[in-house]
Amino acid sequence: MLMNEEKVRLPRDERRATLLIAALEVFTAAGYHAAAMDEIADQANVSKPVLYQHFPSKLDLYLAVLDIHCEYLVADIRAAVASTTDNAGRVLATVNAYFDFINREGEAFRLLFESDMAVEPQVRERLSKMSYDCALAFSEAITTDTGISQESAMMLAVGLIGTAQTTARHWLARDGKIDRDLAVKLVASLQWRGISGFRRIGKPLNS
């Protein structure tokens, strides 16, 4: 028995990663309230005491799962904005980043945007920060290019990010009934028709 235990013994970081993957699967399948720590431990092939060594409570585990995927999405949006200096390209890359996130981490996307835990203060705080950080990445580019105030740029960025989130959620809910690339182009075109009306300093914004 000891030899079998030693075979599956992992470094702490690897074990934590395994637990987070198992937790994501259980939380998205059952929902937070119905999910049981026993089930998550079984899914990760560990004992319940091992699970509690890493996460003292189910809420701690849920928040850890949420944190890592919030960080992934914010990093994706920042990379999209930084990927080009062409603003039409920035809009397209940002929308594309949301749809890429869905394709890569559909379960995590549902956890972020469709969870009944959004009313929990600690969860709501994290989701609000995630949306703010995504919008901030775009607002900085808008301010630099147009010279409008930070508050005005943030208002525009929140609109862009909110549209990308909402349409990506709709696409996911419809099980991709519209071709993914077409969906991205439709949303990016809608956004670009609006934001391109704000002129860059000294030249059109779309230049």
N, C-alpha and C. Protein backbone atom coordinates (compact mmCIF):
# COMPACT_ATOMS: atom_id res chain seq x y z
N MET A 1 0.83 -1.21 0.00
CA MET A 1 0.00 0.00 0.00
C MET A 1 0.87 1.25 0.00
N LEU A 2 1.91 1.23 0.75
CA LEU A 2 2.80 2.38 0.82
C LEU A 2 3.43 2.66 -0.53
N MET A 3 3.79 1.55 -1.28
CA MET A 3 4.40 1.74 -2.58
C MET A 3 3.43 2.42 -3.54
N ASN A 4 2.15 2.03 -3.48
CA ASN A 4 1.15 2.65 -4.35
C ASN A 4 0.99 4.12 -4.03
N GLU A 5 0.98 4.47 -2.76
CA GLU A 5 0.86 5.85 -2.35
C GLU A 5 2.05 6.67 -2.85
N GLU A 6 3.24 6.06 -2.80
CA GLU A 6 4.43 6.78 -3.22
C GLU A 6 4.40 7.03 -4.73
N LYS A 7 3.79 6.10 -5.50
CA LYS A 7 3.72 6.27 -6.94
C LYS A 7 2.94 7.51 -7.34
N VAL A 8 1.89 7.82 -6.57
CA VAL A 8 1.04 8.95 -6.92
C VAL A 8 1.39 10.20 -6.14
N ARG A 9 2.43 10.14 -5.34
CA ARG A 9 2.83 11.32 -4.58
C ARG A 9 3.43 12.35 -5.52
N LEU A 10 2.93 13.57 -5.47
CA LEU A 10 3.37 14.64 -6.36
C LEU A 10 3.93 15.80 -5.56
N PRO A 11 4.80 16.61 -6.18
CA PRO A 11 5.21 17.85 -5.53
C PRO A 11 3.99 18.71 -5.23
N ARG A 12 4.12 19.57 -4.22
CA ARG A 12 2.96 20.33 -3.75
C ARG A 12 2.30 21.15 -4.87
N ASP A 13 3.09 21.81 -5.71
CA ASP A 13 2.52 22.63 -6.78
C ASP A 13 1.75 21.78 -7.79
N GLU A 14 2.30 20.61 -8.12
CA GLU A 14 1.62 19.73 -9.06
C GLU A 14 0.34 19.18 -8.46
N ARG A 15 0.39 18.84 -7.18
CA ARG A 15 -0.80 18.34 -6.51
C ARG A 15 -1.89 19.41 -6.49
N ARG A 16 -1.49 20.63 -6.18
CA ARG A 16 -2.45 21.73 -6.15
C ARG A 16 -3.10 21.91 -7.52
N ALA A 17 -2.30 21.85 -8.58
CA ALA A 17 -2.83 22.00 -9.93
C ALA A 17 -3.83 20.89 -10.25
N THR A 18 -3.51 19.67 -9.83
CA THR A 18 -4.42 18.54 -10.04
C THR A 18 -5.75 18.76 -9.31
N LEU A 19 -5.67 19.27 -8.09
CA LEU A 19 -6.87 19.53 -7.31
C LEU A 19 -7.73 20.62 -7.95
N LEU A 20 -7.09 21.63 -8.49
CA LEU A 20 -7.83 22.72 -9.13
C LEU A 20 -8.54 22.25 -10.39
N ILE A 21 -7.90 21.37 -11.14
CA ILE A 21 -8.53 20.82 -12.33
C ILE A 21 -9.74 19.98 -11.94
N ALA A 22 -9.58 19.16 -10.94
CA ALA A 22 -10.70 18.32 -10.48
C ALA A 22 -11.84 19.18 -9.95
N ALA A 23 -11.49 20.21 -9.20
CA ALA A 23 -12.52 21.09 -8.63
C ALA A 23 -13.30 21.80 -9.72
N LEU A 24 -12.61 22.27 -10.76
CA LEU A 24 -13.28 22.95 -11.87
C LEU A 24 -14.30 22.01 -12.51
N GLU A 25 -13.91 20.77 -12.73
CA GLU A 25 -14.82 19.81 -13.36
C GLU A 25 -16.05 19.57 -12.49
N VAL A 26 -15.85 19.43 -11.19
CA VAL A 26 -16.98 19.15 -10.30
C VAL A 26 -17.86 20.38 -10.13
N PHE A 27 -17.25 21.54 -9.95
CA PHE A 27 -18.04 22.76 -9.76
C PHE A 27 -18.89 23.08 -10.99
N THR A 28 -18.33 22.91 -12.18
CA THR A 28 -19.10 23.23 -13.38
C THR A 28 -20.17 22.18 -13.65
N ALA A 29 -19.92 20.94 -13.27
CA ALA A 29 -20.90 19.87 -13.50
C ALA A 29 -22.05 19.93 -12.49
N ALA A 30 -21.72 20.19 -11.22
CA ALA A 30 -22.73 20.11 -10.17
C ALA A 30 -23.18 21.46 -9.64
N GLY A 31 -22.39 22.51 -9.90
CA GLY A 31 -22.67 23.78 -9.25
C GLY A 31 -22.01 23.81 -7.88
N TYR A 32 -21.74 25.00 -7.39
CA TYR A 32 -21.00 25.12 -6.14
C TYR A 32 -21.72 24.42 -4.99
N HIS A 33 -22.99 24.70 -4.82
CA HIS A 33 -23.71 24.23 -3.63
C HIS A 33 -23.87 22.71 -3.61
N ALA A 34 -24.04 22.10 -4.76
CA ALA A 34 -24.21 20.65 -4.81
C ALA A 34 -22.87 19.91 -4.82
N ALA A 35 -21.81 20.61 -5.16
CA ALA A 35 -20.49 19.97 -5.20
C ALA A 35 -20.05 19.60 -3.79
N ALA A 36 -19.45 18.43 -3.66
CA ALA A 36 -18.98 17.95 -2.35
C ALA A 36 -17.47 17.79 -2.39
N MET A 37 -16.85 18.10 -1.27
CA MET A 37 -15.39 17.95 -1.18
C MET A 37 -14.99 16.49 -1.36
N ASP A 38 -15.82 15.57 -0.91
CA ASP A 38 -15.54 14.15 -1.12
C ASP A 38 -15.46 13.83 -2.61
N GLU A 39 -16.40 14.39 -3.36
CA GLU A 39 -16.43 14.15 -4.80
C GLU A 39 -15.20 14.73 -5.49
N ILE A 40 -14.80 15.92 -5.04
CA ILE A 40 -13.61 16.55 -5.63
C ILE A 40 -12.36 15.74 -5.29
N ALA A 41 -12.26 15.27 -4.07
CA ALA A 41 -11.12 14.44 -3.68
C ALA A 41 -11.07 13.17 -4.52
N ASP A 42 -12.23 12.54 -4.72
CA ASP A 42 -12.28 11.33 -5.55
C ASP A 42 -11.86 11.63 -6.99
N GLN A 43 -12.33 12.76 -7.50
CA GLN A 43 -12.01 13.14 -8.87
C GLN A 43 -10.50 13.35 -9.04
N ALA A 44 -9.87 13.88 -7.99
CA ALA A 44 -8.42 14.14 -8.03
C ALA A 44 -7.61 12.93 -7.60
N ASN A 45 -8.31 11.86 -7.17
CA ASN A 45 -7.64 10.64 -6.72
C ASN A 45 -6.75 10.89 -5.50
N VAL A 46 -7.30 11.68 -4.55
CA VAL A 46 -6.60 11.92 -3.29
C VAL A 46 -7.58 11.68 -2.15
N SER A 47 -7.05 11.61 -0.97
CA SER A 47 -7.92 11.49 0.20
C SER A 47 -8.47 12.87 0.57
N LYS A 48 -9.56 12.88 1.29
CA LYS A 48 -10.16 14.14 1.72
C LYS A 48 -9.20 14.95 2.61
N PRO A 49 -8.48 14.31 3.55
CA PRO A 49 -7.51 15.08 4.35
C PRO A 49 -6.45 15.77 3.50
N VAL A 50 -6.00 15.12 2.41
CA VAL A 50 -5.02 15.75 1.52
C VAL A 50 -5.63 16.99 0.88
N LEU A 51 -6.88 16.89 0.46
CA LEU A 51 -7.57 18.04 -0.15
C LEU A 51 -7.64 19.19 0.84
N TYR A 52 -7.96 18.89 2.09
CA TYR A 52 -8.08 19.94 3.10
C TYR A 52 -6.71 20.51 3.52
N GLN A 53 -5.65 19.76 3.29
CA GLN A 53 -4.32 20.32 3.54
C GLN A 53 -4.03 21.49 2.61
N HIS A 54 -4.56 21.43 1.41
CA HIS A 54 -4.33 22.48 0.42
C HIS A 54 -5.39 23.58 0.50
N PHE A 55 -6.63 23.20 0.80
CA PHE A 55 -7.74 24.16 0.81
C PHE A 55 -8.61 23.89 2.03
N PRO A 56 -8.60 24.81 3.00
CA PRO A 56 -9.29 24.59 4.27
C PRO A 56 -10.81 24.47 4.14
N SER A 57 -11.39 24.99 3.05
CA SER A 57 -12.85 24.94 2.90
C SER A 57 -13.21 24.87 1.42
N LYS A 58 -14.46 24.55 1.16
CA LYS A 58 -14.92 24.49 -0.22
C LYS A 58 -14.88 25.88 -0.86
N LEU A 59 -15.19 26.91 -0.09
CA LEU A 59 -15.13 28.27 -0.63
C LEU A 59 -13.70 28.65 -0.99
N ASP A 60 -12.74 28.29 -0.14
CA ASP A 60 -11.33 28.57 -0.45
C ASP A 60 -10.92 27.89 -1.77
N LEU A 61 -11.39 26.68 -1.97
CA LEU A 61 -11.07 25.95 -3.18
C LEU A 61 -11.72 26.62 -4.39
N TYR A 62 -12.98 27.00 -4.24
CA TYR A 62 -13.69 27.67 -5.34
C TYR A 62 -12.99 28.98 -5.72
N LEU A 63 -12.61 29.75 -4.73
CA LEU A 63 -11.95 31.03 -5.00
C LEU A 63 -10.60 30.82 -5.68
N ALA A 64 -9.90 29.76 -5.30
CA ALA A 64 -8.61 29.47 -5.93
C ALA A 64 -8.80 29.12 -7.41
N VAL A 65 -9.84 28.35 -7.70
CA VAL A 65 -10.15 28.03 -9.10
C VAL A 65 -10.51 29.30 -9.86
N LEU A 66 -11.33 30.12 -9.24
CA LEU A 66 -11.76 31.37 -9.86
C LEU A 66 -10.57 32.29 -10.13
N ASP A 67 -9.68 32.41 -9.16
CA ASP A 67 -8.52 33.31 -9.28
C ASP A 67 -7.65 32.94 -10.48
N ILE A 68 -7.37 31.67 -10.63
CA ILE A 68 -6.43 31.28 -11.68
C ILE A 68 -7.01 31.54 -13.06
N HIS A 69 -8.32 31.34 -13.23
CA HIS A 69 -8.93 31.54 -14.54
C HIS A 69 -9.21 33.02 -14.81
N CYS A 70 -9.46 33.79 -13.78
CA CYS A 70 -9.52 35.24 -13.94
C CYS A 70 -8.19 35.77 -14.45
N GLU A 71 -7.11 35.28 -13.86
CA GLU A 71 -5.77 35.70 -14.28
C GLU A 71 -5.50 35.32 -15.73
N TYR A 72 -5.94 34.12 -16.12
CA TYR A 72 -5.75 33.69 -17.51
C TYR A 72 -6.45 34.64 -18.47
N LEU A 73 -7.71 34.97 -18.16
CA LEU A 73 -8.48 35.81 -19.08
C LEU A 73 -7.91 37.22 -19.16
N VAL A 74 -7.55 37.79 -18.03
CA VAL A 74 -6.96 39.14 -18.04
C VAL A 74 -5.66 39.14 -18.84
N ALA A 75 -4.84 38.12 -18.66
CA ALA A 75 -3.58 38.01 -19.42
C ALA A 75 -3.86 37.91 -20.91
N ASP A 76 -4.90 37.16 -21.29
CA ASP A 76 -5.26 37.03 -22.70
C ASP A 76 -5.67 38.38 -23.28
N ILE A 77 -6.46 39.14 -22.54
CA ILE A 77 -6.93 40.44 -23.04
C ILE A 77 -5.75 41.42 -23.15
N ARG A 78 -4.89 41.45 -22.17
CA ARG A 78 -3.72 42.33 -22.22
C ARG A 78 -2.84 41.98 -23.42
N ALA A 79 -2.66 40.69 -23.66
CA ALA A 79 -1.85 40.26 -24.81
C ALA A 79 -2.51 40.66 -26.12
N ALA A 80 -3.83 40.58 -26.18
CA ALA A 80 -4.55 40.95 -27.39
C ALA A 80 -4.38 42.44 -27.69
N VAL A 81 -4.52 43.28 -26.67
CA VAL A 81 -4.38 44.72 -26.86
C VAL A 81 -2.95 45.08 -27.27
N ALA A 82 -1.99 44.37 -26.71
CA ALA A 82 -0.58 44.66 -26.99
C ALA A 82 -0.08 44.03 -28.29
N SER A 83 -0.93 43.22 -28.93
CA SER A 83 -0.47 42.45 -30.08
C SER A 83 -0.27 43.29 -31.33
N THR A 84 -0.85 44.50 -31.37
CA THR A 84 -0.73 45.35 -32.55
C THR A 84 -0.98 46.80 -32.15
N THR A 85 -0.50 47.72 -32.97
CA THR A 85 -0.80 49.14 -32.76
C THR A 85 -1.94 49.59 -33.66
N ASP A 86 -2.41 48.71 -34.52
CA ASP A 86 -3.56 48.99 -35.37
C ASP A 86 -4.83 48.78 -34.56
N ASN A 87 -5.64 49.81 -34.43
CA ASN A 87 -6.78 49.73 -33.52
C ASN A 87 -7.89 48.80 -33.98
N ALA A 88 -8.09 48.72 -35.29
CA ALA A 88 -9.05 47.73 -35.78
C ALA A 88 -8.56 46.33 -35.43
N GLY A 89 -7.26 46.13 -35.53
CA GLY A 89 -6.67 44.85 -35.15
C GLY A 89 -6.79 44.58 -33.66
N ARG A 90 -6.68 45.63 -32.86
CA ARG A 90 -6.84 45.47 -31.41
C ARG A 90 -8.25 45.00 -31.05
N VAL A 91 -9.24 45.62 -31.68
CA VAL A 91 -10.62 45.24 -31.41
C VAL A 91 -10.85 43.78 -31.80
N LEU A 92 -10.40 43.42 -32.99
CA LEU A 92 -10.56 42.04 -33.45
C LEU A 92 -9.83 41.06 -32.54
N ALA A 93 -8.62 41.41 -32.13
CA ALA A 93 -7.83 40.52 -31.27
C ALA A 93 -8.48 40.35 -29.90
N THR A 94 -9.10 41.41 -29.40
CA THR A 94 -9.73 41.34 -28.09
C THR A 94 -10.96 40.44 -28.12
N VAL A 95 -11.80 40.63 -29.13
CA VAL A 95 -12.97 39.76 -29.26
C VAL A 95 -12.52 38.32 -29.47
N ASN A 96 -11.52 38.14 -30.30
CA ASN A 96 -10.99 36.82 -30.57
C ASN A 96 -10.47 36.15 -29.30
N ALA A 97 -9.91 36.95 -28.40
CA ALA A 97 -9.38 36.41 -27.14
C ALA A 97 -10.48 35.78 -26.29
N TYR A 98 -11.65 36.42 -26.27
CA TYR A 98 -12.77 35.84 -25.51
C TYR A 98 -13.21 34.52 -26.11
N PHE A 99 -13.32 34.48 -27.43
CA PHE A 99 -13.75 33.23 -28.06
C PHE A 99 -12.68 32.15 -27.95
N ASP A 100 -11.41 32.54 -27.97
CA ASP A 100 -10.33 31.58 -27.74
C ASP A 100 -10.41 31.00 -26.33
N PHE A 101 -10.71 31.87 -25.38
CA PHE A 101 -10.84 31.43 -23.99
C PHE A 101 -11.95 30.40 -23.87
N ILE A 102 -13.05 30.64 -24.57
CA ILE A 102 -14.15 29.68 -24.56
C ILE A 102 -13.71 28.33 -25.12
N ASN A 103 -13.05 28.38 -26.29
CA ASN A 103 -12.63 27.13 -26.92
C ASN A 103 -11.64 26.37 -26.07
N ARG A 104 -10.77 27.11 -25.39
CA ARG A 104 -9.72 26.48 -24.59
C ARG A 104 -10.25 26.07 -23.22
N GLU A 105 -11.12 26.88 -22.65
CA GLU A 105 -11.54 26.65 -21.28
C GLU A 105 -13.03 26.95 -21.11
N GLY A 106 -13.84 26.19 -21.86
CA GLY A 106 -15.28 26.40 -21.80
C GLY A 106 -15.85 26.26 -20.41
N GLU A 107 -15.37 25.26 -19.67
CA GLU A 107 -15.86 25.07 -18.30
C GLU A 107 -15.51 26.26 -17.42
N ALA A 108 -14.31 26.78 -17.58
CA ALA A 108 -13.90 27.93 -16.79
C ALA A 108 -14.72 29.16 -17.15
N PHE A 109 -15.03 29.31 -18.43
CA PHE A 109 -15.84 30.46 -18.86
C PHE A 109 -17.21 30.41 -18.19
N ARG A 110 -17.80 29.23 -18.13
CA ARG A 110 -19.10 29.10 -17.45
C ARG A 110 -18.95 29.42 -15.97
N LEU A 111 -17.86 28.99 -15.38
CA LEU A 111 -17.62 29.27 -13.96
C LEU A 111 -17.52 30.77 -13.72
N LEU A 112 -16.86 31.49 -14.63
CA LEU A 112 -16.67 32.92 -14.46
C LEU A 112 -17.96 33.71 -14.68
N PHE A 113 -18.74 33.32 -15.69
CA PHE A 113 -19.83 34.18 -16.12
C PHE A 113 -21.23 33.63 -15.88
N GLU A 114 -21.35 32.37 -15.46
CA GLU A 114 -22.68 31.80 -15.31
C GLU A 114 -22.89 31.16 -13.94
N SER A 115 -22.00 31.36 -13.03
CA SER A 115 -22.11 30.72 -11.72
C SER A 115 -23.13 31.41 -10.83
N ASP A 116 -23.85 30.59 -10.04
CA ASP A 116 -24.79 31.16 -9.08
C ASP A 116 -24.07 31.72 -7.85
N MET A 117 -22.74 31.65 -7.87
CA MET A 117 -21.96 32.17 -6.75
C MET A 117 -21.63 33.65 -6.90
N ALA A 118 -22.09 34.28 -7.97
CA ALA A 118 -21.77 35.68 -8.21
C ALA A 118 -22.29 36.60 -7.11
N VAL A 119 -23.25 36.12 -6.33
CA VAL A 119 -23.80 36.93 -5.23
C VAL A 119 -22.91 36.88 -4.00
N GLU A 120 -21.99 35.92 -3.95
CA GLU A 120 -21.06 35.82 -2.83
C GLU A 120 -20.08 36.99 -2.90
N PRO A 121 -19.95 37.79 -1.83
CA PRO A 121 -19.12 39.00 -1.90
C PRO A 121 -17.70 38.76 -2.40
N GLN A 122 -17.04 37.70 -1.94
CA GLN A 122 -15.66 37.46 -2.37
C GLN A 122 -15.59 37.07 -3.84
N VAL A 123 -16.62 36.40 -4.32
CA VAL A 123 -16.67 36.05 -5.74
C VAL A 123 -16.96 37.28 -6.57
N ARG A 124 -17.94 38.06 -6.14
CA ARG A 124 -18.32 39.27 -6.87
C ARG A 124 -17.14 40.23 -6.97
N GLU A 125 -16.38 40.33 -5.90
CA GLU A 125 -15.21 41.21 -5.90
C GLU A 125 -14.19 40.77 -6.95
N ARG A 126 -13.96 39.48 -7.06
CA ARG A 126 -12.99 38.97 -8.02
C ARG A 126 -13.48 39.16 -9.46
N LEU A 127 -14.76 38.91 -9.70
CA LEU A 127 -15.29 39.08 -11.04
C LEU A 127 -15.28 40.54 -11.46
N SER A 128 -15.58 41.42 -10.52
CA SER A 128 -15.55 42.85 -10.82
C SER A 128 -14.13 43.30 -11.15
N LYS A 129 -13.17 42.81 -10.38
CA LYS A 129 -11.77 43.16 -10.63
C LYS A 129 -11.30 42.63 -11.99
N MET A 130 -11.73 41.43 -12.32
CA MET A 130 -11.36 40.85 -13.60
C MET A 130 -11.88 41.72 -14.75
N SER A 131 -13.15 42.08 -14.68
CA SER A 131 -13.73 42.92 -15.74
C SER A 131 -13.05 44.28 -15.79
N TYR A 132 -12.75 44.83 -14.61
CA TYR A 132 -12.07 46.12 -14.55
C TYR A 132 -10.68 46.04 -15.18
N ASP A 133 -9.93 45.00 -14.84
CA ASP A 133 -8.57 44.86 -15.37
C ASP A 133 -8.57 44.66 -16.88
N CYS A 134 -9.57 43.91 -17.39
CA CYS A 134 -9.67 43.74 -18.84
C CYS A 134 -9.97 45.08 -19.51
N ALA A 135 -10.91 45.84 -18.95
CA ALA A 135 -11.25 47.14 -19.52
C ALA A 135 -10.09 48.12 -19.41
N LEU A 136 -9.36 48.04 -18.30
CA LEU A 136 -8.23 48.95 -18.10
C LEU A 136 -7.18 48.78 -19.20
N ALA A 137 -6.93 47.55 -19.60
CA ALA A 137 -5.95 47.30 -20.65
C ALA A 137 -6.33 48.04 -21.93
N PHE A 138 -7.62 48.04 -22.25
CA PHE A 138 -8.07 48.71 -23.47
C PHE A 138 -8.16 50.21 -23.27
N SER A 139 -8.56 50.65 -22.08
CA SER A 139 -8.72 52.09 -21.86
C SER A 139 -7.39 52.82 -21.96
N GLU A 140 -6.31 52.18 -21.55
CA GLU A 140 -5.00 52.82 -21.63
C GLU A 140 -4.62 53.08 -23.08
N ALA A 141 -4.95 52.15 -23.97
CA ALA A 141 -4.68 52.35 -25.39
C ALA A 141 -5.55 53.47 -25.96
N ILE A 142 -6.79 53.54 -25.53
CA ILE A 142 -7.70 54.58 -26.01
C ILE A 142 -7.22 55.96 -25.58
N THR A 143 -6.82 56.08 -24.32
CA THR A 143 -6.33 57.36 -23.81
C THR A 143 -5.08 57.81 -24.57
N THR A 144 -4.15 56.87 -24.77
CA THR A 144 -2.91 57.19 -25.47
C THR A 144 -3.19 57.66 -26.89
N ASP A 145 -4.11 57.01 -27.56
CA ASP A 145 -4.36 57.31 -28.98
C ASP A 145 -5.23 58.53 -29.20
N THR A 146 -6.17 58.78 -28.29
CA THR A 146 -7.15 59.85 -28.54
C THR A 146 -6.95 61.09 -27.69
N GLY A 147 -6.29 60.93 -26.55
CA GLY A 147 -6.11 62.06 -25.65
C GLY A 147 -7.32 62.36 -24.80
N ILE A 148 -8.38 61.54 -24.88
CA ILE A 148 -9.54 61.78 -24.02
C ILE A 148 -9.22 61.38 -22.59
N SER A 149 -10.03 61.82 -21.66
CA SER A 149 -9.75 61.58 -20.25
C SER A 149 -9.77 60.09 -19.92
N GLN A 150 -9.11 59.75 -18.83
CA GLN A 150 -9.08 58.36 -18.40
C GLN A 150 -10.47 57.83 -18.10
N GLU A 151 -11.30 58.67 -17.48
CA GLU A 151 -12.67 58.24 -17.15
C GLU A 151 -13.47 57.98 -18.42
N SER A 152 -13.33 58.85 -19.40
CA SER A 152 -14.05 58.66 -20.67
C SER A 152 -13.56 57.41 -21.39
N ALA A 153 -12.24 57.23 -21.39
CA ALA A 153 -11.67 56.05 -22.04
C ALA A 153 -12.12 54.77 -21.35
N MET A 154 -12.21 54.82 -20.03
CA MET A 154 -12.64 53.63 -19.29
C MET A 154 -14.10 53.31 -19.61
N MET A 155 -14.93 54.34 -19.78
CA MET A 155 -16.33 54.11 -20.13
C MET A 155 -16.42 53.38 -21.48
N LEU A 156 -15.64 53.84 -22.46
CA LEU A 156 -15.63 53.18 -23.76
C LEU A 156 -15.11 51.75 -23.66
N ALA A 157 -14.05 51.57 -22.88
CA ALA A 157 -13.44 50.24 -22.75
C ALA A 157 -14.39 49.27 -22.07
N VAL A 158 -15.11 49.73 -21.06
CA VAL A 158 -16.09 48.88 -20.38
C VAL A 158 -17.16 48.43 -21.37
N GLY A 159 -17.58 49.34 -22.25
CA GLY A 159 -18.55 48.98 -23.28
C GLY A 159 -18.02 47.93 -24.23
N LEU A 160 -16.77 48.08 -24.65
CA LEU A 160 -16.16 47.11 -25.56
C LEU A 160 -16.03 45.74 -24.90
N ILE A 161 -15.50 45.73 -23.68
CA ILE A 161 -15.31 44.47 -22.97
C ILE A 161 -16.64 43.81 -22.66
N GLY A 162 -17.61 44.62 -22.22
CA GLY A 162 -18.92 44.07 -21.90
C GLY A 162 -19.59 43.43 -23.10
N THR A 163 -19.46 44.07 -24.26
CA THR A 163 -20.03 43.51 -25.49
C THR A 163 -19.36 42.19 -25.85
N ALA A 164 -18.05 42.15 -25.73
CA ALA A 164 -17.31 40.92 -26.04
C ALA A 164 -17.73 39.78 -25.10
N GLN A 165 -17.86 40.09 -23.82
CA GLN A 165 -18.26 39.07 -22.84
C GLN A 165 -19.66 38.56 -23.14
N THR A 166 -20.59 39.49 -23.35
CA THR A 166 -21.99 39.11 -23.53
C THR A 166 -22.20 38.29 -24.80
N THR A 167 -21.58 38.73 -25.89
CA THR A 167 -21.75 38.00 -27.14
C THR A 167 -21.06 36.64 -27.11
N ALA A 168 -19.93 36.57 -26.43
CA ALA A 168 -19.25 35.28 -26.29
C ALA A 168 -20.11 34.31 -25.47
N ARG A 169 -20.74 34.82 -24.43
CA ARG A 169 -21.65 33.99 -23.63
C ARG A 169 -22.81 33.50 -24.48
N HIS A 170 -23.37 34.39 -25.28
CA HIS A 170 -24.48 34.00 -26.15
C HIS A 170 -24.05 32.92 -27.13
N TRP A 171 -22.87 33.09 -27.73
CA TRP A 171 -22.36 32.10 -28.68
C TRP A 171 -22.19 30.75 -28.01
N LEU A 172 -21.67 30.75 -26.79
CA LEU A 172 -21.48 29.51 -26.05
C LEU A 172 -22.82 28.86 -25.74
N ALA A 173 -23.79 29.67 -25.31
CA ALA A 173 -25.11 29.14 -24.96
C ALA A 173 -25.82 28.53 -26.17
N ARG A 174 -25.51 29.07 -27.35
CA ARG A 174 -26.12 28.56 -28.58
C ARG A 174 -25.33 27.42 -29.20
N ASP A 175 -24.34 26.93 -28.45
CA ASP A 175 -23.54 25.78 -28.89
C ASP A 175 -22.88 26.01 -30.24
N GLY A 176 -22.42 27.25 -30.43
CA GLY A 176 -21.67 27.54 -31.65
C GLY A 176 -22.47 27.38 -32.93
N LYS A 177 -23.78 27.72 -32.88
CA LYS A 177 -24.62 27.58 -34.08
C LYS A 177 -24.14 28.52 -35.20
N ILE A 178 -23.49 29.61 -34.85
CA ILE A 178 -22.82 30.46 -35.83
C ILE A 178 -21.35 30.06 -35.85
N ASP A 179 -20.77 29.99 -37.02
CA ASP A 179 -19.35 29.69 -37.14
C ASP A 179 -18.55 30.64 -36.25
N ARG A 180 -17.56 30.09 -35.56
CA ARG A 180 -16.80 30.88 -34.60
C ARG A 180 -16.16 32.11 -35.24
N ASP A 181 -15.48 31.92 -36.36
CA ASP A 181 -14.79 33.05 -37.00
C ASP A 181 -15.78 34.11 -37.46
N LEU A 182 -16.93 33.68 -37.94
CA LEU A 182 -17.96 34.63 -38.36
C LEU A 182 -18.47 35.41 -37.15
N ALA A 183 -18.69 34.71 -36.05
CA ALA A 183 -19.16 35.37 -34.83
C ALA A 183 -18.17 36.44 -34.37
N VAL A 184 -16.89 36.11 -34.37
CA VAL A 184 -15.85 37.06 -33.97
C VAL A 184 -15.86 38.28 -34.88
N LYS A 185 -15.95 38.05 -36.19
CA LYS A 185 -15.93 39.16 -37.14
C LYS A 185 -17.16 40.06 -36.98
N LEU A 186 -18.32 39.46 -36.73
CA LEU A 186 -19.55 40.23 -36.54
C LEU A 186 -19.42 41.16 -35.33
N VAL A 187 -18.96 40.61 -34.23
CA VAL A 187 -18.85 41.40 -33.00
C VAL A 187 -17.78 42.47 -33.14
N ALA A 188 -16.63 42.10 -33.71
CA ALA A 188 -15.55 43.07 -33.89
C ALA A 188 -15.98 44.19 -34.83
N SER A 189 -16.74 43.86 -35.87
CA SER A 189 -17.23 44.87 -36.80
C SER A 189 -18.17 45.84 -36.11
N LEU A 190 -19.06 45.31 -35.28
CA LEU A 190 -19.98 46.15 -34.52
C LEU A 190 -19.20 47.12 -33.62
N GLN A 191 -18.21 46.59 -32.92
CA GLN A 191 -17.43 47.42 -32.00
C GLN A 191 -16.61 48.46 -32.76
N TRP A 192 -16.00 48.05 -33.87
CA TRP A 192 -15.13 48.96 -34.61
C TRP A 192 -15.93 50.11 -35.22
N ARG A 193 -17.14 49.86 -35.65
CA ARG A 193 -17.98 50.93 -36.22
C ARG A 193 -18.24 52.01 -35.19
N GLY A 194 -18.25 51.63 -33.92
CA GLY A 194 -18.45 52.61 -32.86
C GLY A 194 -17.17 53.31 -32.44
N ILE A 195 -16.15 52.55 -32.11
CA ILE A 195 -14.93 53.13 -31.55
C ILE A 195 -14.12 53.88 -32.60
N SER A 196 -14.28 53.54 -33.88
CA SER A 196 -13.50 54.22 -34.92
C SER A 196 -13.94 55.67 -35.11
N GLY A 197 -15.07 56.04 -34.52
CA GLY A 197 -15.51 57.43 -34.60
C GLY A 197 -14.72 58.37 -33.71
N PHE A 198 -13.92 57.83 -32.80
CA PHE A 198 -13.08 58.65 -31.93
C PHE A 198 -11.71 58.78 -32.58
N ARG A 199 -11.31 59.99 -32.85
CA ARG A 199 -10.11 60.23 -33.64
C ARG A 199 -8.84 60.14 -32.82
N ARG A 200 -7.83 59.60 -33.44
CA ARG A 200 -6.50 59.60 -32.84
C ARG A 200 -5.96 61.02 -32.83
N ILE A 201 -5.02 61.26 -31.96
CA ILE A 201 -4.39 62.57 -31.90
C ILE A 201 -3.68 62.83 -33.22
N GLY A 202 -4.16 63.84 -33.95
CA GLY A 202 -3.50 64.23 -35.19
C GLY A 202 -3.88 63.44 -36.42
N LYS A 203 -4.70 62.35 -36.28
CA LYS A 203 -5.08 61.57 -37.44
C LYS A 203 -6.26 60.67 -37.08
N PRO A 204 -6.93 60.07 -38.05
CA PRO A 204 -8.08 59.21 -37.75
C PRO A 204 -7.70 58.06 -36.84
N LEU A 205 -8.61 57.65 -35.99
CA LEU A 205 -8.33 56.56 -35.06
C LEU A 205 -8.02 55.26 -35.79
N ASN A 206 -8.61 55.08 -36.98
CA ASN A 206 -8.40 53.81 -37.68
C ASN A 206 -7.12 53.78 -38.52
N SER A 207 -6.29 54.81 -38.39
CA SER A 207 -5.04 54.79 -39.14
C SER A 207 -3.96 54.09 -38.36
